[in-house]
Amino acid sequence: NVLLLNGRAMLADFGSSLRTSARPAMACFPSGSVSNAAPEVVPHTGFKATSPAPYAAASADVWSLGVLLFVMVTGRPPWSAPVKSDRLFAAFAAGGEPQGPG
């Protein structure tokens, strides 16, 4: 869910919301779809109950919003998962274009 408030976009997943007084807010659990998740949220072995290390929740939300905007513009996700074994993500991470058949 994307909420708009006073010109600000906020991602909302009420099933995995995080309340904290820490700044930046740190999380240690993956949430949402693996294809939308930031790389630091998804362990390289796949989606698990916990991430390998705490990550900045707001930064991960900005990444997810970017993926959502990509899907809205193109009609498809940019990759299956943000891991090096995904050819499209690997090309993106390397700053290049994917080669070969889709």
Protein backbone atom coordinates (compact mmCIF):
# COMPACT_ATOMS: atom_id res chain seq x y z
CA ASN A 1 0.00 0.00 0.00
CA VAL A 2 1.22 3.49 -0.83
CA LEU A 3 -0.16 6.31 1.30
CA LEU A 4 0.15 9.95 0.25
CA LEU A 5 0.19 12.63 2.94
CA ASN A 6 1.05 16.27 2.25
CA GLY A 7 2.96 15.31 -0.91
CA ARG A 8 4.94 12.55 0.81
CA ALA A 9 4.70 8.92 -0.29
CA MET A 10 4.78 6.33 2.47
CA LEU A 11 4.71 2.57 2.12
CA ALA A 12 2.35 0.78 4.47
CA ASP A 13 2.20 -2.90 5.28
CA PHE A 14 0.13 -3.09 8.41
CA GLY A 15 0.98 -6.75 8.89
CA SER A 16 4.65 -5.94 9.39
CA SER A 17 4.74 -2.40 10.71
CA LEU A 18 7.63 -1.33 12.92
CA ARG A 19 7.39 1.00 15.90
CA THR A 20 10.70 2.26 17.20
CA SER A 21 12.26 5.36 18.67
CA ALA A 22 15.65 4.56 17.13
CA ARG A 23 16.82 6.85 14.33
CA PRO A 24 17.32 5.54 11.80
CA ALA A 25 14.72 2.86 12.42
CA MET A 26 16.42 -0.51 12.10
CA ALA A 27 14.60 -3.72 11.20
CA CYS A 28 15.77 -7.31 11.19
CA PHE A 29 12.94 -9.10 9.41
CA PRO A 30 12.00 -9.26 5.74
CA SER A 31 8.54 -8.14 4.71
CA GLY A 32 6.61 -7.69 1.51
CA SER A 33 7.37 -9.33 -1.80
CA VAL A 34 10.88 -10.59 -2.46
CA SER A 35 10.93 -8.91 -5.89
CA ASN A 36 10.25 -5.51 -4.26
CA ALA A 37 12.62 -5.93 -1.33
CA ALA A 38 15.93 -4.10 -1.03
CA PRO A 39 19.02 -6.31 -1.44
CA GLU A 40 19.99 -5.98 2.23
CA VAL A 41 16.59 -7.33 3.25
CA VAL A 42 16.85 -10.55 1.25
CA PRO A 43 19.57 -13.03 2.22
CA HIS A 44 21.33 -14.50 -0.82
CA THR A 45 19.88 -17.90 0.02
CA GLY A 46 16.31 -16.61 -0.36
CA PHE A 47 13.57 -15.07 1.76
CA LYS A 48 13.88 -16.24 5.37
CA ALA A 49 12.24 -15.40 8.68
CA THR A 50 15.09 -13.06 9.61
CA SER A 51 17.58 -10.98 7.66
CA PRO A 52 21.28 -11.64 8.14
CA ALA A 53 21.78 -8.20 9.73
CA PRO A 54 19.66 -5.23 10.80
CA TYR A 55 18.94 -2.77 7.98
CA ALA A 56 17.66 0.81 7.76
CA ALA A 57 13.90 0.37 7.33
CA ALA A 58 13.29 3.78 5.69
CA SER A 59 16.02 3.21 3.10
CA ALA A 60 14.58 -0.21 2.28
CA ASP A 61 11.15 1.41 1.89
CA VAL A 62 12.56 3.94 -0.61
CA TRP A 63 14.03 1.05 -2.62
CA SER A 64 10.66 -0.73 -2.59
CA LEU A 65 8.88 2.43 -3.70
CA GLY A 66 11.32 2.71 -6.62
CA VAL A 67 10.59 -0.88 -7.65
CA LEU A 68 6.85 -0.18 -7.38
CA LEU A 69 7.21 2.89 -9.62
CA PHE A 70 9.18 0.79 -12.14
CA VAL A 71 6.33 -1.74 -12.23
CA MET A 72 3.76 1.03 -12.66
CA VAL A 73 5.65 2.48 -15.64
CA THR A 74 6.70 -0.75 -17.39
CA GLY A 75 4.01 -3.19 -16.28
CA ARG A 76 6.57 -5.74 -15.06
CA PRO A 77 9.02 -6.10 -12.18
CA PRO A 78 12.68 -5.30 -12.93
CA TRP A 79 13.85 -8.73 -11.63
CA SER A 80 12.62 -11.80 -9.77
CA ALA A 81 14.71 -11.11 -6.66
CA PRO A 82 17.46 -8.60 -5.79
CA VAL A 83 20.19 -11.24 -5.58
CA LYS A 84 23.36 -11.74 -7.68
CA SER A 85 22.03 -15.04 -9.05
CA ASP A 86 19.21 -13.13 -10.82
CA ARG A 87 20.62 -12.13 -14.22
CA LEU A 88 18.64 -8.88 -14.48
CA PHE A 89 19.52 -7.73 -10.96
CA ALA A 90 23.19 -8.66 -11.48
CA ALA A 91 23.28 -6.49 -14.63
CA PHE A 92 21.63 -3.62 -12.75
CA ALA A 93 24.06 -3.93 -9.83
CA ALA A 94 27.00 -3.91 -12.25
CA GLY A 95 25.65 -0.77 -13.92
CA GLY A 96 25.09 -2.44 -17.29
CA GLU A 97 22.46 -3.92 -19.53
CA PRO A 98 21.50 -7.61 -19.36
CA GLN A 99 22.84 -9.64 -22.27
CA GLY A 100 21.22 -12.55 -24.05
CA PRO A 101 17.62 -13.72 -24.16
CA GLY A 102 15.20 -12.41 -21.49
